[in-house]
């Protein structure tokens, strides 16, 4: 499930970077996912934001050309062990690290 959260967080991040949907993105996505998967309780607006933060926390940009465009580094996230940490613990880590760019 954490791999899906990470992937979805990346998709949300990409949509926000492109300027799509504005502030209604989370609510629209939440409504769509809840409608598609009514038995899954993890698609609240708050949890979707955490999924984006989860993605942002572990993907560090690197310079790829002289125009200073950034792209995620190729990293083996399984070796890092991020998917073995329970979601509740990841949310605590996110809360502690939010805004810390180091």
PDB file of N, CA and C in Angstrom:
ATOM      1  N   UNK A   1       0.820  -1.189   0.000  1.00  0.00           N
ATOM      2  CA  UNK A   1       0.000   0.000   0.000  1.00  0.00           C
ATOM      3  C   UNK A   1       0.870   1.262   0.000  1.00  0.00           C
ATOM      4  N   UNK A   2       2.010   1.210   0.726  1.00  0.00           N
ATOM      5  CA  UNK A   2       2.872   2.395   0.791  1.00  0.00           C
ATOM      6  C   UNK A   2       3.451   2.746  -0.576  1.00  0.00           C
ATOM      7  N   UNK A   3       3.728   1.740  -1.390  1.00  0.00           N
ATOM      8  CA  UNK A   3       4.220   2.024  -2.737  1.00  0.00           C
ATOM      9  C   UNK A   3       3.150   2.773  -3.532  1.00  0.00           C
ATOM     10  N   UNK A   4       1.903   2.392  -3.352  1.00  0.00           N
ATOM     11  CA  UNK A   4       0.808   3.100  -4.017  1.00  0.00           C
ATOM     12  C   UNK A   4       0.707   4.534  -3.492  1.00  0.00           C
ATOM     13  N   UNK A   5       0.815   4.721  -2.182  1.00  0.00           N
ATOM     14  CA  UNK A   5       0.785   6.070  -1.607  1.00  0.00           C
ATOM     15  C   UNK A   5       1.911   6.924  -2.179  1.00  0.00           C
ATOM     16  N   UNK A   6       3.102   6.344  -2.301  1.00  0.00           N
ATOM     17  CA  UNK A   6       4.248   7.054  -2.839  1.00  0.00           C
ATOM     18  C   UNK A   6       3.992   7.448  -4.292  1.00  0.00           C
ATOM     19  N   UNK A   7       3.496   6.497  -5.066  1.00  0.00           N
ATOM     20  CA  UNK A   7       3.185   6.761  -6.472  1.00  0.00           C
ATOM     21  C   UNK A   7       2.119   7.851  -6.585  1.00  0.00           C
ATOM     22  N   UNK A   8       1.045   7.718  -5.814  1.00  0.00           N
ATOM     23  CA  UNK A   8      -0.037   8.698  -5.862  1.00  0.00           C
ATOM     24  C   UNK A   8       0.466  10.072  -5.419  1.00  0.00           C
ATOM     25  N   UNK A   9       1.324  10.096  -4.412  1.00  0.00           N
ATOM     26  CA  UNK A   9       1.930  11.351  -3.982  1.00  0.00           C
ATOM     27  C   UNK A   9       2.715  12.007  -5.106  1.00  0.00           C
ATOM     28  N   UNK A  10       3.420  11.201  -5.899  1.00  0.00           N
ATOM     29  CA  UNK A  10       4.156  11.717  -7.053  1.00  0.00           C
ATOM     30  C   UNK A  10       3.227  12.269  -8.122  1.00  0.00           C
ATOM     31  N   UNK A  11       2.122  11.596  -8.327  1.00  0.00           N
ATOM     32  CA  UNK A  11       1.137  12.074  -9.306  1.00  0.00           C
ATOM     33  C   UNK A  11       0.529  13.409  -8.851  1.00  0.00           C
ATOM     34  N   UNK A  12       0.204  13.502  -7.578  1.00  0.00           N
ATOM     35  CA  UNK A  12      -0.350  14.752  -7.041  1.00  0.00           C
ATOM     36  C   UNK A  12       0.679  15.868  -7.177  1.00  0.00           C
ATOM     37  N   UNK A  13       1.917  15.561  -6.824  1.00  0.00           N
ATOM     38  CA  UNK A  13       3.005  16.537  -6.929  1.00  0.00           C
ATOM     39  C   UNK A  13       3.120  17.051  -8.368  1.00  0.00           C
ATOM     40  N   UNK A  14       3.091  16.136  -9.339  1.00  0.00           N
ATOM     41  CA  UNK A  14       3.190  16.523 -10.753  1.00  0.00           C
ATOM     42  C   UNK A  14       2.031  17.405 -11.180  1.00  0.00           C
ATOM     43  N   UNK A  15       0.826  17.039 -10.773  1.00  0.00           N
ATOM     44  CA  UNK A  15      -0.343  17.853 -11.122  1.00  0.00           C
ATOM     45  C   UNK A  15      -0.238  19.256 -10.530  1.00  0.00           C
ATOM     46  N   UNK A  16       0.212  19.337  -9.283  1.00  0.00           N
ATOM     47  CA  UNK A  16       0.345  20.650  -8.631  1.00  0.00           C
ATOM     48  C   UNK A  16       1.438  21.472  -9.302  1.00  0.00           C
ATOM     49  N   UNK A  17       2.533  20.822  -9.722  1.00  0.00           N
ATOM     50  CA  UNK A  17       3.626  21.525 -10.406  1.00  0.00           C
ATOM     51  C   UNK A  17       3.150  22.109 -11.738  1.00  0.00           C
ATOM     52  N   UNK A  18       2.244  21.406 -12.405  1.00  0.00           N
ATOM     53  CA  UNK A  18       1.717  21.867 -13.688  1.00  0.00           C
ATOM     54  C   UNK A  18       0.641  22.939 -13.500  1.00  0.00           C
ATOM     55  N   UNK A  19       0.229  23.147 -12.255  1.00  0.00           N
ATOM     56  CA  UNK A  19      -0.789  24.156 -11.978  1.00  0.00           C
ATOM     57  C   UNK A  19      -2.210  23.681 -12.221  1.00  0.00           C
ATOM     58  N   UNK A  20      -2.386  22.380 -12.376  1.00  0.00           N
ATOM     59  CA  UNK A  20      -3.719  21.833 -12.634  1.00  0.00           C
ATOM     60  C   UNK A  20      -4.582  21.844 -11.374  1.00  0.00           C
ATOM     61  N   UNK A  21      -5.820  22.193 -11.553  1.00  0.00           N
ATOM     62  CA  UNK A  21      -6.855  22.051 -10.533  1.00  0.00           C
ATOM     63  C   UNK A  21      -6.789  23.043  -9.373  1.00  0.00           C
ATOM     64  N   UNK A  22      -5.684  23.686  -9.147  1.00  0.00           N
ATOM     65  CA  UNK A  22      -5.594  24.627  -8.027  1.00  0.00           C
ATOM     66  C   UNK A  22      -5.847  23.953  -6.695  1.00  0.00           C
ATOM     67  N   UNK A  23      -6.486  24.669  -5.785  1.00  0.00           N
ATOM     68  CA  UNK A  23      -6.697  24.145  -4.436  1.00  0.00           C
ATOM     69  C   UNK A  23      -7.783  23.073  -4.384  1.00  0.00           C
ATOM     70  N   UNK A  24      -8.568  22.943  -5.435  1.00  0.00           N
ATOM     71  CA  UNK A  24      -9.637  21.935  -5.442  1.00  0.00           C
ATOM     72  C   UNK A  24      -9.128  20.547  -5.813  1.00  0.00           C
ATOM     73  N   UNK A  25      -7.857  20.448  -6.165  1.00  0.00           N
ATOM     74  CA  UNK A  25      -7.300  19.166  -6.598  1.00  0.00           C
ATOM     75  C   UNK A  25      -7.517  18.067  -5.566  1.00  0.00           C
ATOM     76  N   UNK A  26      -7.163  18.341  -4.314  1.00  0.00           N
ATOM     77  CA  UNK A  26      -7.265  17.317  -3.270  1.00  0.00           C
ATOM     78  C   UNK A  26      -8.710  16.863  -3.074  1.00  0.00           C
ATOM     79  N   UNK A  27      -9.642  17.815  -3.028  1.00  0.00           N
ATOM     80  CA  UNK A  27     -11.041  17.459  -2.791  1.00  0.00           C
ATOM     81  C   UNK A  27     -11.605  16.661  -3.954  1.00  0.00           C
ATOM     82  N   UNK A  28     -11.304  17.086  -5.187  1.00  0.00           N
ATOM     83  CA  UNK A  28     -11.794  16.371  -6.357  1.00  0.00           C
ATOM     84  C   UNK A  28     -11.218  14.955  -6.404  1.00  0.00           C
ATOM     85  N   UNK A  29      -9.918  14.834  -6.168  1.00  0.00           N
ATOM     86  CA  UNK A  29      -9.273  13.522  -6.180  1.00  0.00           C
ATOM     87  C   UNK A  29      -9.832  12.633  -5.067  1.00  0.00           C
ATOM     88  N   UNK A  30     -10.018  13.201  -3.891  1.00  0.00           N
ATOM     89  CA  UNK A  30     -10.592  12.450  -2.772  1.00  0.00           C
ATOM     90  C   UNK A  30     -11.978  11.922  -3.140  1.00  0.00           C
ATOM     91  N   UNK A  31     -12.820  12.792  -3.678  1.00  0.00           N
ATOM     92  CA  UNK A  31     -14.181  12.381  -4.071  1.00  0.00           C
ATOM     93  C   UNK A  31     -14.134  11.269  -5.115  1.00  0.00           C
ATOM     94  N   UNK A  32     -13.248  11.412  -6.116  1.00  0.00           N
ATOM     95  CA  UNK A  32     -13.151  10.403  -7.175  1.00  0.00           C
ATOM     96  C   UNK A  32     -12.692   9.054  -6.622  1.00  0.00           C
ATOM     97  N   UNK A  33     -11.669   9.073  -5.753  1.00  0.00           N
ATOM     98  CA  UNK A  33     -11.141   7.822  -5.207  1.00  0.00           C
ATOM     99  C   UNK A  33     -12.140   7.151  -4.265  1.00  0.00           C
ATOM    100  N   UNK A  34     -12.810   7.936  -3.438  1.00  0.00           N
ATOM    101  CA  UNK A  34     -13.816   7.370  -2.518  1.00  0.00           C
ATOM    102  C   UNK A  34     -14.970   6.778  -3.313  1.00  0.00           C
ATOM    103  N   UNK A  35     -15.344   7.445  -4.394  1.00  0.00           N
ATOM    104  CA  UNK A  35     -16.428   6.937  -5.227  1.00  0.00           C
ATOM    105  C   UNK A  35     -16.023   5.631  -5.919  1.00  0.00           C
ATOM    106  N   UNK A  36     -14.766   5.561  -6.358  1.00  0.00           N
ATOM    107  CA  UNK A  36     -14.271   4.366  -7.046  1.00  0.00           C
ATOM    108  C   UNK A  36     -13.991   3.206  -6.083  1.00  0.00           C
ATOM    109  N   UNK A  37     -13.508   3.546  -4.869  1.00  0.00           N
ATOM    110  CA  UNK A  37     -13.151   2.530  -3.865  1.00  0.00           C
ATOM    111  C   UNK A  37     -13.852   2.858  -2.539  1.00  0.00           C
ATOM    112  N   UNK A  38     -15.153   2.630  -2.457  1.00  0.00           N
ATOM    113  CA  UNK A  38     -15.914   3.055  -1.277  1.00  0.00           C
ATOM    114  C   UNK A  38     -15.507   2.365   0.033  1.00  0.00           C
ATOM    115  N   UNK A  39     -14.887   1.208  -0.044  1.00  0.00           N
ATOM    116  CA  UNK A  39     -14.499   0.494   1.181  1.00  0.00           C
ATOM    117  C   UNK A  39     -13.133   0.903   1.709  1.00  0.00           C
ATOM    118  N   UNK A  40     -12.387   1.681   0.945  1.00  0.00           N
ATOM    119  CA  UNK A  40     -11.051   2.120   1.358  1.00  0.00           C
ATOM    120  C   UNK A  40     -11.193   3.457   2.073  1.00  0.00           C
ATOM    121  N   UNK A  41     -10.677   3.523   3.294  1.00  0.00           N
ATOM    122  CA  UNK A  41     -10.862   4.708   4.131  1.00  0.00           C
ATOM    123  C   UNK A  41      -9.694   5.685   4.086  1.00  0.00           C
ATOM    124  N   UNK A  42      -8.698   5.458   3.224  1.00  0.00           N
ATOM    125  CA  UNK A  42      -7.474   6.256   3.295  1.00  0.00           C
ATOM    126  C   UNK A  42      -7.391   7.379   2.257  1.00  0.00           C
ATOM    127  N   UNK A  43      -8.498   7.767   1.660  1.00  0.00           N
ATOM    128  CA  UNK A  43      -8.452   8.779   0.610  1.00  0.00           C
ATOM    129  C   UNK A  43      -9.042  10.119   1.030  1.00  0.00           C
ATOM    130  N   UNK A  44      -8.865  10.474   2.286  1.00  0.00           N
ATOM    131  CA  UNK A  44      -9.319  11.796   2.737  1.00  0.00           C
ATOM    132  C   UNK A  44      -8.399  12.865   2.157  1.00  0.00           C
ATOM    133  N   UNK A  45      -8.860  14.100   2.149  1.00  0.00           N
ATOM    134  CA  UNK A  45      -8.042  15.221   1.679  1.00  0.00           C
ATOM    135  C   UNK A  45      -6.746  15.284   2.474  1.00  0.00           C
ATOM    136  N   UNK A  46      -6.839  15.135   3.787  1.00  0.00           N
ATOM    137  CA  UNK A  46      -5.650  15.190   4.642  1.00  0.00           C
ATOM    138  C   UNK A  46      -4.660  14.097   4.278  1.00  0.00           C
ATOM    139  N   UNK A  47      -5.144  12.886   4.092  1.00  0.00           N
ATOM    140  CA  UNK A  47      -4.252  11.771   3.771  1.00  0.00           C
ATOM    141  C   UNK A  47      -3.626  11.939   2.387  1.00  0.00           C
ATOM    142  N   UNK A  48      -4.371  12.500   1.435  1.00  0.00           N
ATOM    143  CA  UNK A  48      -3.805  12.757   0.114  1.00  0.00           C
ATOM    144  C   UNK A  48      -2.667  13.772   0.204  1.00  0.00           C
ATOM    145  N   UNK A  49      -2.817  14.760   1.052  1.00  0.00           N
ATOM    146  CA  UNK A  49      -1.736  15.731   1.257  1.00  0.00           C
ATOM    147  C   UNK A  49      -0.518  15.040   1.867  1.00  0.00           C
ATOM    148  N   UNK A  50      -0.748  14.142   2.819  1.00  0.00           N
ATOM    149  CA  UNK A  50       0.359  13.386   3.400  1.00  0.00           C
ATOM    150  C   UNK A  50       1.055  12.520   2.344  1.00  0.00           C
ATOM    151  N   UNK A  51       0.291  11.972   1.405  1.00  0.00           N
ATOM    152  CA  UNK A  51       0.901  11.173   0.343  1.00  0.00           C
ATOM    153  C   UNK A  51       1.831  12.041  -0.500  1.00  0.00           C
ATOM    154  N   UNK A  52       1.412  13.268  -0.783  1.00  0.00           N
ATOM    155  CA  UNK A  52       2.276  14.177  -1.524  1.00  0.00           C
ATOM    156  C   UNK A  52       3.524  14.508  -0.706  1.00  0.00           C
ATOM    157  N   UNK A  53       3.355  14.796   0.579  1.00  0.00           N
ATOM    158  CA  UNK A  53       4.506  15.092   1.448  1.00  0.00           C
ATOM    159  C   UNK A  53       5.450  13.886   1.527  1.00  0.00           C
ATOM    160  N   UNK A  54       4.871  12.682   1.577  1.00  0.00           N
ATOM    161  CA  UNK A  54       5.644  11.438   1.626  1.00  0.00           C
ATOM    162  C   UNK A  54       6.548  11.358   0.397  1.00  0.00           C
ATOM    163  N   UNK A  55       5.984  11.623  -0.759  1.00  0.00           N
ATOM    164  CA  UNK A  55       6.751  11.626  -2.000  1.00  0.00           C
ATOM    165  C   UNK A  55       7.848  12.687  -1.950  1.00  0.00           C
ATOM    166  N   UNK A  56       7.478  13.898  -1.571  1.00  0.00           N
ATOM    167  CA  UNK A  56       8.434  15.008  -1.548  1.00  0.00           C
ATOM    168  C   UNK A  56       9.573  14.772  -0.557  1.00  0.00           C
ATOM    169  N   UNK A  57       9.279  14.111   0.552  1.00  0.00           N
ATOM    170  CA  UNK A  57      10.285  13.882   1.582  1.00  0.00           C
ATOM    171  C   UNK A  57      11.429  13.003   1.077  1.00  0.00           C
ATOM    172  N   UNK A  58      11.098  12.003   0.267  1.00  0.00           N
ATOM    173  CA  UNK A  58      12.105  11.028  -0.140  1.00  0.00           C
ATOM    174  C   UNK A  58      12.658  11.228  -1.548  1.00  0.00           C
ATOM    175  N   UNK A  59      12.068  12.098  -2.340  1.00  0.00           N
ATOM    176  CA  UNK A  59      12.585  12.374  -3.678  1.00  0.00           C
ATOM    177  C   UNK A  59      13.361  13.676  -3.615  1.00  0.00           C
ATOM    178  N   UNK A  60      14.671  13.581  -3.813  1.00  0.00           N
ATOM    179  CA  UNK A  60      15.479  14.799  -3.814  1.00  0.00           C
ATOM    180  C   UNK A  60      15.872  15.146  -5.245  1.00  0.00           C
ATOM    181  N   UNK A  61      15.670  16.392  -5.620  1.00  0.00           N
ATOM    182  CA  UNK A  61      15.996  16.776  -6.996  1.00  0.00           C
ATOM    183  C   UNK A  61      17.499  16.882  -7.212  1.00  0.00           C
ATOM    184  N   UNK A  62      17.910  16.721  -8.447  1.00  0.00           N
ATOM    185  CA  UNK A  62      19.305  16.935  -8.819  1.00  0.00           C
ATOM    186  C   UNK A  62      19.309  17.778 -10.091  1.00  0.00           C
ATOM    187  N   UNK A  63      20.360  18.532 -10.308  1.00  0.00           N
ATOM    188  CA  UNK A  63      20.461  19.326 -11.530  1.00  0.00           C
ATOM    189  C   UNK A  63      20.784  18.397 -12.688  1.00  0.00           C
ATOM    190  N   UNK A  64      20.028  18.526 -13.765  1.00  0.00           N
ATOM    191  CA  UNK A  64      20.246  17.636 -14.892  1.00  0.00           C
ATOM    192  C   UNK A  64      20.774  18.359 -16.128  1.00  0.00           C
ATOM    193  N   UNK A  65      20.659  19.695 -16.186  1.00  0.00           N
ATOM    194  CA  UNK A  65      21.228  20.415 -17.326  1.00  0.00           C
ATOM    195  C   UNK A  65      21.502  21.865 -16.931  1.00  0.00           C
ATOM    196  N   UNK A  66      22.008  22.631 -17.867  1.00  0.00           N
ATOM    197  CA  UNK A  66      22.410  24.005 -17.568  1.00  0.00           C
ATOM    198  C   UNK A  66      21.223  24.915 -17.292  1.00  0.00           C
ATOM    199  N   UNK A  67      20.035  24.516 -17.691  1.00  0.00           N
ATOM    200  CA  UNK A  67      18.845  25.325 -17.415  1.00  0.00           C
ATOM    201  C   UNK A  67      18.328  25.096 -16.000  1.00  0.00           C
ATOM    202  N   UNK A  68      19.020  24.259 -15.257  1.00  0.00           N
ATOM    203  CA  UNK A  68      18.695  23.968 -13.863  1.00  0.00           C
ATOM    204  C   UNK A  68      17.306  23.355 -13.705  1.00  0.00           C
ATOM    205  N   UNK A  69      16.924  22.525 -14.658  1.00  0.00           N
ATOM    206  CA  UNK A  69      15.692  21.753 -14.493  1.00  0.00           C
ATOM    207  C   UNK A  69      16.021  20.622 -13.534  1.00  0.00           C
ATOM    208  N   UNK A  70      15.082  20.249 -12.705  1.00  0.00           N
ATOM    209  CA  UNK A  70      15.371  19.176 -11.761  1.00  0.00           C
ATOM    210  C   UNK A  70      14.542  17.942 -12.079  1.00  0.00           C
ATOM    211  N   UNK A  71      15.078  16.809 -11.686  1.00  0.00           N
ATOM    212  CA  UNK A  71      14.368  15.547 -11.824  1.00  0.00           C
ATOM    213  C   UNK A  71      14.760  14.676 -10.645  1.00  0.00           C
ATOM    214  N   UNK A  72      13.888  13.736 -10.280  1.00  0.00           N
ATOM    215  CA  UNK A  72      14.231  12.866  -9.150  1.00  0.00           C
ATOM    216  C   UNK A  72      15.471  12.030  -9.440  1.00  0.00           C
ATOM    217  N   UNK A  73      16.279  11.818  -8.422  1.00  0.00           N
ATOM    218  CA  UNK A  73      17.422  10.923  -8.555  1.00  0.00           C
ATOM    219  C   UNK A  73      16.916   9.495  -8.650  1.00  0.00           C
ATOM    220  N   UNK A  74      17.687   8.657  -9.312  1.00  0.00           N
ATOM    221  CA  UNK A  74      17.329   7.245  -9.351  1.00  0.00           C
ATOM    222  C   UNK A  74      17.754   6.621  -8.036  1.00  0.00           C
ATOM    223  N   UNK A  75      16.797   6.200  -7.261  1.00  0.00           N
ATOM    224  CA  UNK A  75      17.047   5.673  -5.924  1.00  0.00           C
ATOM    225  C   UNK A  75      16.258   4.386  -5.771  1.00  0.00           C
ATOM    226  N   UNK A  76      16.848   3.405  -5.099  1.00  0.00           N
ATOM    227  CA  UNK A  76      16.128   2.184  -4.782  1.00  0.00           C
ATOM    228  C   UNK A  76      15.443   2.391  -3.429  1.00  0.00           C
ATOM    229  N   UNK A  77      14.172   2.762  -3.465  1.00  0.00           N
ATOM    230  CA  UNK A  77      13.433   3.085  -2.240  1.00  0.00           C
ATOM    231  C   UNK A  77      13.238   1.858  -1.358  1.00  0.00           C
ATOM    232  N   UNK A  78      13.263   0.662  -1.974  1.00  0.00           N
ATOM    233  CA  UNK A  78      13.162  -0.558  -1.168  1.00  0.00           C
ATOM    234  C   UNK A  78      14.399  -0.722  -0.300  1.00  0.00           C
ATOM    235  N   UNK A  79      15.577  -0.417  -0.873  1.00  0.00           N
ATOM    236  CA  UNK A  79      16.811  -0.507  -0.087  1.00  0.00           C
ATOM    237  C   UNK A  79      16.815   0.525   1.043  1.00  0.00           C
ATOM    238  N   UNK A  80      16.209   1.678   0.797  1.00  0.00           N
ATOM    239  CA  UNK A  80      16.125   2.702   1.842  1.00  0.00           C
ATOM    240  C   UNK A  80      15.203   2.238   2.975  1.00  0.00           C
ATOM    241  N   UNK A  81      14.306   1.336   2.665  1.00  0.00           N
ATOM    242  CA  UNK A  81      13.403   0.808   3.683  1.00  0.00           C
ATOM    243  C   UNK A  81      12.176   1.658   3.954  1.00  0.00           C
ATOM    244  N   UNK A  82      11.899   2.653   3.109  1.00  0.00           N
ATOM    245  CA  UNK A  82      10.771   3.549   3.408  1.00  0.00           C
ATOM    246  C   UNK A  82       9.429   2.841   3.346  1.00  0.00           C
ATOM    247  N   UNK A  83       9.350   1.751   2.572  1.00  0.00           N
ATOM    248  CA  UNK A  83       8.076   1.048   2.460  1.00  0.00           C
ATOM    249  C   UNK A  83       7.862   0.049   3.587  1.00  0.00           C
ATOM    250  N   UNK A  84       8.850  -0.131   4.442  1.00  0.00           N
ATOM    251  CA  UNK A  84       8.693  -1.048   5.569  1.00  0.00           C
ATOM    252  C   UNK A  84       8.285  -0.300   6.845  1.00  0.00           C
ATOM    253  N   UNK A  85       8.261   1.023   6.779  1.00  0.00           N
ATOM    254  CA  UNK A  85       7.847   1.829   7.929  1.00  0.00           C
ATOM    255  C   UNK A  85       6.329   1.993   7.861  1.00  0.00           C
ATOM    256  N   UNK A  86       5.599   1.668   8.919  1.00  0.00           N
ATOM    257  CA  UNK A  86       4.141   1.802   8.881  1.00  0.00           C
ATOM    258  C   UNK A  86       3.707   3.235   8.531  1.00  0.00           C
ATOM    259  N   UNK A  87       2.545   3.343   7.886  1.00  0.00           N
ATOM    260  CA  UNK A  87       2.045   4.637   7.431  1.00  0.00           C
ATOM    261  C   UNK A  87       1.922   5.649   8.579  1.00  0.00           C
ATOM    262  N   UNK A  88       1.444   5.227   9.719  1.00  0.00           N
ATOM    263  CA  UNK A  88       1.320   6.140  10.866  1.00  0.00           C
ATOM    264  C   UNK A  88       2.668   6.699  11.294  1.00  0.00           C
ATOM    265  N   UNK A  89       3.684   5.859  11.257  1.00  0.00           N
ATOM    266  CA  UNK A  89       5.031   6.324  11.593  1.00  0.00           C
ATOM    267  C   UNK A  89       5.569   7.266  10.523  1.00  0.00           C
ATOM    268  N   UNK A  90       5.280   6.964   9.256  1.00  0.00           N
ATOM    269  CA  UNK A  90       5.691   7.867   8.184  1.00  0.00           C
ATOM    270  C   UNK A  90       5.038   9.235   8.348  1.00  0.00           C
ATOM    271  N   UNK A  91       3.773   9.255   8.752  1.00  0.00           N
ATOM    272  CA  UNK A  91       3.096  10.546   8.970  1.00  0.00           C
ATOM    273  C   UNK A  91       3.775  11.326  10.087  1.00  0.00           C
ATOM    274  N   UNK A  92       4.219  10.647  11.133  1.00  0.00           N
ATOM    275  CA  UNK A  92       4.944  11.313  12.225  1.00  0.00           C
ATOM    276  C   UNK A  92       6.267  11.865  11.712  1.00  0.00           C
ATOM    277  N   UNK A  93       6.977  11.075  10.909  1.00  0.00           N
ATOM    278  CA  UNK A  93       8.234  11.534  10.322  1.00  0.00           C
ATOM    279  C   UNK A  93       7.985  12.773   9.453  1.00  0.00           C
ATOM    280  N   UNK A  94       6.948  12.728   8.647  1.00  0.00           N
ATOM    281  CA  UNK A  94       6.594  13.858   7.786  1.00  0.00           C
ATOM    282  C   UNK A  94       6.340  15.105   8.634  1.00  0.00           C
ATOM    283  N   UNK A  95       5.561  14.940   9.711  1.00  0.00           N
ATOM    284  CA  UNK A  95       5.259  16.088  10.584  1.00  0.00           C
ATOM    285  C   UNK A  95       6.534  16.681  11.170  1.00  0.00           C
ATOM    286  N   UNK A  96       7.474  15.825  11.556  1.00  0.00           N
ATOM    287  CA  UNK A  96       8.727  16.282  12.155  1.00  0.00           C
ATOM    288  C   UNK A  96       9.631  16.949  11.124  1.00  0.00           C
ATOM    289  N   UNK A  97       9.562  16.510   9.879  1.00  0.00           N
ATOM    290  CA  UNK A  97      10.482  16.990   8.831  1.00  0.00           C
ATOM    291  C   UNK A  97       9.904  18.093   7.956  1.00  0.00           C
ATOM    292  N   UNK A  98       8.616  18.344   8.046  1.00  0.00           N
ATOM    293  CA  UNK A  98       7.986  19.328   7.163  1.00  0.00           C
ATOM    294  C   UNK A  98       8.697  20.662   7.247  1.00  0.00           C
ATOM    295  N   UNK A  99       9.086  21.187   6.092  1.00  0.00           N
ATOM    296  CA  UNK A  99       9.765  22.467   6.043  1.00  0.00           C
ATOM    297  C   UNK A  99      11.265  22.391   6.215  1.00  0.00           C
ATOM    298  N   UNK A 100      11.784  21.209   6.553  1.00  0.00           N
ATOM    299  CA  UNK A 100      13.235  21.038   6.742  1.00  0.00           C
ATOM    300  C   UNK A 100      13.830  20.611   5.413  1.00  0.00           C
ATOM    301  N   UNK A 101      14.639  21.464   4.811  1.00  0.00           N
ATOM    302  CA  UNK A 101      15.214  21.174   3.499  1.00  0.00           C
ATOM    303  C   UNK A 101      16.565  20.501   3.580  1.00  0.00           C
ATOM    304  N   UNK A 102      17.065  20.168   4.754  1.00  0.00           N
ATOM    305  CA  UNK A 102      18.393  19.552   4.899  1.00  0.00           C
ATOM    306  C   UNK A 102      18.305  18.052   4.845  1.00  0.00           C
TER     307      UNK A 102
END
